[in-house]
Protein backbone atom coordinates (compact mmCIF):
# COMPACT_ATOMS: atom_id res chain seq x y z
CA MET A 1 58.73 113.20 90.11
CA THR A 2 60.15 115.91 87.89
CA THR A 3 58.68 119.32 87.12
CA PRO A 4 59.22 121.56 84.11
CA ASP A 5 61.85 123.42 86.12
CA SER A 6 63.65 120.29 87.32
CA PRO A 7 67.08 119.58 85.84
CA PRO A 8 67.14 116.56 83.54
CA HIS A 9 68.41 113.33 84.98
CA PRO A 10 72.07 112.91 84.01
CA ILE A 11 72.91 110.04 81.71
CA PRO A 12 74.49 107.38 83.93
CA SER A 13 78.21 106.87 83.55
CA LYS A 14 79.27 103.67 81.81
CA VAL A 15 82.57 103.22 83.64
CA PRO A 16 82.98 101.90 87.19
CA GLU A 17 83.33 103.97 90.31
CA VAL A 18 87.00 104.32 91.20
CA ALA A 19 87.56 102.38 94.43
CA ALA A 20 90.09 99.88 95.77
CA SER A 21 88.42 97.07 93.80
CA PHE A 22 88.91 99.05 90.58
CA TRP A 23 92.69 99.20 91.08
CA VAL A 24 92.93 95.52 92.04
CA LEU A 25 91.16 94.53 88.83
CA LYS A 26 93.14 97.05 86.77
CA ILE A 27 96.48 95.58 87.90
CA LEU A 28 95.26 92.04 87.26
CA ALA A 29 94.07 93.09 83.79
CA THR A 30 97.36 94.79 82.90
CA THR A 31 99.32 91.74 84.03
CA LEU A 32 97.05 89.49 81.97
CA GLY A 33 97.58 91.82 79.01
CA GLU A 34 101.30 91.15 79.16
CA THR A 35 101.15 87.36 79.58
CA GLY A 36 98.24 86.98 77.15
CA GLY A 37 99.79 89.21 74.50
CA ASP A 38 103.12 87.37 74.77
CA ALA A 39 101.33 84.00 74.64
CA VAL A 40 99.85 84.85 71.24
CA SER A 41 102.77 86.71 69.67
CA MET A 42 105.61 84.60 71.12
CA SER A 43 104.41 81.23 72.43
CA MET A 44 102.05 80.69 69.49
CA GLY A 45 104.65 82.15 67.14
CA LEU A 46 102.20 84.48 65.38
CA GLY A 47 104.44 87.51 65.72
CA TYR A 48 103.73 91.04 66.90
CA LEU A 49 101.93 92.25 63.77
CA ALA A 50 99.49 89.35 63.60
CA GLY A 51 98.97 89.49 67.34
CA THR A 52 98.22 93.19 67.12
CA GLY A 53 95.70 92.56 64.33
CA ILE A 54 93.89 89.89 66.35
CA PHE A 55 93.73 91.90 69.56
CA ALA A 56 92.90 95.16 67.76
CA ALA A 57 89.86 93.45 66.21
CA LEU A 58 88.77 92.13 69.62
CA PHE A 59 89.29 95.57 71.16
CA ALA A 60 87.24 97.26 68.42
CA LEU A 61 84.39 94.78 68.93
CA ALA A 62 84.47 95.26 72.71
CA VAL A 63 84.49 99.06 72.43
CA SER A 64 81.60 98.92 69.97
CA ALA A 65 79.59 96.79 72.40
CA GLN A 66 80.52 99.08 75.27
CA ILE A 67 79.33 102.18 73.39
CA ARG A 68 76.08 100.51 72.32
CA ALA A 69 75.29 99.40 75.87
CA ARG A 70 72.71 101.53 77.68
CA ARG A 71 74.34 101.24 81.09
CA PHE A 72 77.43 100.05 82.91
CA HIS A 73 78.04 96.30 82.60
CA PRO A 74 81.00 95.14 84.76
CA LEU A 75 81.92 92.06 82.71
CA LEU A 76 81.75 93.99 79.43
CA TYR A 77 83.78 96.88 80.82
CA TRP A 78 86.57 94.67 82.15
CA ALA A 79 86.61 92.55 78.99
CA THR A 80 87.22 95.78 77.08
CA ILE A 81 90.00 96.77 79.48
CA VAL A 82 91.66 93.36 79.04
CA ALA A 83 91.37 93.74 75.25
CA SER A 84 93.07 97.13 75.51
CA THR A 85 95.94 95.68 77.54
CA THR A 86 96.58 92.80 75.14
CA VAL A 87 96.55 95.00 72.05
CA GLY A 88 98.72 97.46 73.97
CA THR A 89 101.28 94.73 74.63
CA THR A 90 101.59 93.51 71.05
CA LEU A 91 101.37 97.00 69.53
CA ALA A 92 104.12 98.34 71.80
CA ASP A 93 106.31 95.33 71.06
CA PHE A 94 105.72 95.76 67.33
CA ALA A 95 106.64 99.45 67.48
CA THR A 96 109.70 99.08 69.70
CA ARG A 97 111.09 95.83 68.28
CA SER A 98 109.77 95.21 64.76
CA LEU A 99 109.92 98.87 63.70
CA GLY A 100 113.23 99.29 65.49
CA ILE A 101 112.52 102.54 67.34
CA GLY A 102 113.51 100.98 70.66
CA TYR A 103 111.98 101.35 74.09
CA THR A 104 113.09 104.98 74.44
CA GLY A 105 111.67 105.96 71.06
CA GLY A 106 108.48 104.00 71.66
CA THR A 107 107.98 105.58 75.07
CA ALA A 108 108.47 109.08 73.65
CA LEU A 109 106.13 108.50 70.70
CA LEU A 110 103.37 106.94 72.80
CA SER A 111 103.68 109.63 75.48
CA ALA A 112 103.03 112.25 72.80
CA LEU A 113 100.02 110.32 71.46
CA LEU A 114 98.56 109.95 74.96
CA LEU A 115 98.95 113.67 75.71
CA ILE A 116 97.39 114.60 72.35
CA SER A 117 94.43 112.30 73.06
CA LEU A 118 93.84 113.84 76.50
CA TRP A 119 94.22 117.35 75.08
CA ARG A 120 91.75 116.73 72.25
CA TRP A 121 89.29 115.11 74.66
CA HIS A 122 89.41 118.10 77.03
CA ARG A 123 89.26 120.60 74.19
CA SER A 124 86.25 118.89 72.60
CA LEU A 125 84.17 118.11 75.69
CA GLY A 126 85.59 120.34 78.42
CA SER A 127 86.43 117.52 80.83
CA ILE A 128 88.45 114.34 80.97
CA ALA A 129 86.82 113.19 84.22
CA VAL A 130 85.80 109.55 83.93
CA GLU A 131 82.57 110.23 85.82
CA ASN A 132 81.30 111.95 82.68
CA VAL A 133 81.97 109.05 80.32
CA ALA A 134 78.47 108.30 79.11
CA GLU A 135 77.85 109.78 75.66
CA PRO A 136 79.42 108.11 72.58
CA ARG A 137 81.94 110.92 71.95
CA ALA A 138 83.20 110.82 75.53
CA GLU A 139 83.40 107.03 75.36
CA ALA A 140 85.37 107.16 72.11
CA PHE A 141 87.89 109.56 73.64
CA TYR A 142 88.02 107.47 76.82
CA TRP A 143 88.82 104.21 75.05
CA LEU A 144 91.31 105.83 72.70
CA THR A 145 93.09 107.31 75.72
CA VAL A 146 92.95 103.97 77.52
CA MET A 147 94.50 102.20 74.52
CA PHE A 148 97.32 104.74 74.25
CA SER A 149 98.01 104.51 78.00
CA GLN A 150 98.10 100.70 77.90
CA THR A 151 100.48 100.73 74.93
CA LEU A 152 102.71 103.39 76.53
CA GLY A 153 102.75 101.41 79.77
CA THR A 154 104.14 98.35 78.00
CA ALA A 155 106.95 100.36 76.39
CA LEU A 156 107.66 102.18 79.65
CA GLY A 157 107.83 98.93 81.60
CA ASP A 158 110.25 97.43 79.09
CA TRP A 159 112.33 100.62 79.13
CA ALA A 160 112.63 100.52 82.94
CA ALA A 161 113.46 96.82 83.10
CA ASP A 162 115.84 96.67 80.13
CA THR A 163 117.10 100.07 78.96
CA ALA A 164 117.35 101.57 82.45
CA GLY A 165 118.79 98.28 83.74
CA LEU A 166 116.42 97.93 86.70
CA GLY A 167 115.42 94.36 85.89
CA TYR A 168 111.95 93.00 86.58
CA LEU A 169 112.09 93.27 90.37
CA GLY A 170 113.61 96.74 90.17
CA GLY A 171 110.90 97.80 87.71
CA ILE A 172 108.20 96.43 89.99
CA GLY A 173 109.70 98.37 92.89
CA ILE A 174 110.01 101.69 91.06
CA PHE A 175 106.46 101.63 89.68
CA ALA A 176 105.05 100.52 93.03
CA ALA A 177 106.84 103.47 94.63
CA ALA A 178 105.48 105.84 91.97
CA LEU A 179 101.96 104.58 92.63
CA GLY A 180 102.55 105.15 96.34
CA VAL A 181 103.44 108.76 95.60
CA VAL A 182 100.18 109.19 93.69
CA VAL A 183 98.25 107.80 96.67
CA VAL A 184 99.97 110.27 99.00
CA LEU A 185 99.20 113.15 96.64
CA TYR A 186 95.57 112.04 96.43
CA TRP A 187 94.99 111.98 100.18
CA TRP A 188 97.21 114.81 101.37
CA THR A 189 97.25 117.45 98.64
CA GLN A 190 94.74 119.52 96.68
CA LEU A 191 95.95 118.31 93.28
CA SER A 192 93.25 117.49 90.74
CA HIS A 193 91.81 114.03 91.39
CA THR A 194 91.19 113.68 87.65
CA LEU A 195 94.89 114.28 86.94
CA LEU A 196 95.91 111.85 89.67
CA PHE A 197 93.48 109.22 88.36
CA TRP A 198 95.09 109.28 84.93
CA ALA A 199 98.56 109.21 86.49
CA ALA A 200 97.62 106.10 88.48
CA PHE A 201 95.85 104.56 85.48
CA LEU A 202 99.02 104.97 83.43
CA LEU A 203 101.40 103.72 86.14
CA THR A 204 99.42 100.55 86.86
CA ARG A 205 100.11 99.46 83.29
CA PRO A 206 103.95 99.30 83.42
CA PHE A 207 103.65 97.86 86.93
CA GLY A 208 101.44 95.03 85.64
CA ALA A 209 103.57 94.64 82.51
CA VAL A 210 106.75 94.15 84.51
CA VAL A 211 104.96 91.73 86.86
CA GLY A 212 103.80 89.78 83.80
CA ASP A 213 107.33 89.69 82.39
CA PHE A 214 108.67 88.57 85.76
CA LEU A 215 106.20 85.68 85.77
CA ASP A 216 106.86 84.32 82.28
CA LYS A 217 110.36 85.35 81.22
CA PRO A 218 113.23 82.78 81.38
CA LEU A 219 115.19 82.24 84.58
CA ASP A 220 118.43 83.48 83.02
CA SER A 221 116.64 86.76 82.17
CA GLY A 222 115.48 87.27 85.73
CA GLY A 223 111.99 85.81 85.36
CA LEU A 224 110.22 82.81 86.88
CA ALA A 225 109.76 80.98 83.54
CA LEU A 226 106.10 80.18 84.24
CA SER A 227 103.87 79.04 81.38
CA ARG A 228 102.29 82.05 79.66
CA TYR A 229 99.16 80.01 79.07
CA ALA A 230 98.86 78.93 82.71
CA ALA A 231 99.62 82.41 84.05
CA SER A 232 97.07 83.95 81.70
CA ALA A 233 94.41 81.41 82.67
CA VAL A 234 94.94 82.04 86.40
CA LEU A 235 94.86 85.81 85.92
CA ALA A 236 91.71 85.60 83.80
CA GLY A 237 90.04 83.47 86.48
CA LEU A 238 90.98 85.98 89.18
CA ILE A 239 89.56 88.84 87.11
CA VAL A 240 86.25 87.05 86.52
CA ALA A 241 86.02 86.17 90.21
CA GLY A 242 86.86 89.75 91.17
CA VAL A 243 84.23 91.22 88.83
CA LEU A 244 81.59 88.87 90.22
CA LEU A 245 82.53 89.18 93.90
CA LEU A 246 83.89 92.69 94.39
CA PRO A 247 81.50 95.66 94.53
CA GLN A 248 80.98 97.14 91.09
CA ARG A 249 78.77 100.13 90.33
CA ALA A 250 78.74 102.93 87.82
CA ALA A 251 80.65 106.10 88.67
CA ARG A 252 78.43 108.90 89.86
CA ARG A 253 78.24 111.82 87.47
CA ALA A 254 80.11 114.95 88.48
CA HIS A 255 77.27 117.17 87.21
């Protein structure tokens, strides 16, 4: 029971609590974004621009449904994340390849856009903590930031594997190591957990992107030459199973 002096009940967050299951699903989703995006733009021959248009429309519909929802829905949330990873893949490829700015230019441009999004979010609402993502404005900033991070992650993964010459296995190793550093900083330092969350959120994207490239790129390019359609179907099945079987609950509000 509440009294006139009781604080109002906080609006429940509409994003999941950050736990081990969150990161498992996030990596699966980012890997699916790479294989699924490539399946449409390359295997189907639609090209990066058309692929971006298709996935951008799906992402917009998913975000709209997510904002209209009254509470956290695991399947809807992860469908929106997958939509952000696929549009991130085709958009990054369009910017770096079709527009000719290259992986270095694309990484620099998208890094700036991501930082601007986070800055505007913090300036407008005072916090970029995901626990507070409940109201429409916070959700809009959240999904815009997610989209920029997914797109940047694709360009960054390609830059590491190709421009930096690490190859797919080298890229997987370097991003896995970077994620390990974030884990160490989380458990053994006093650094902001919000900052470390966004660092991990960003790094899981190039990690998944390079894993996706490793799965479906030709053997002579260092990949396994698996079918993009088959890889995407298996990854999608694992995500659905994970959402249904792994614990999923809304993040608890910070205030």
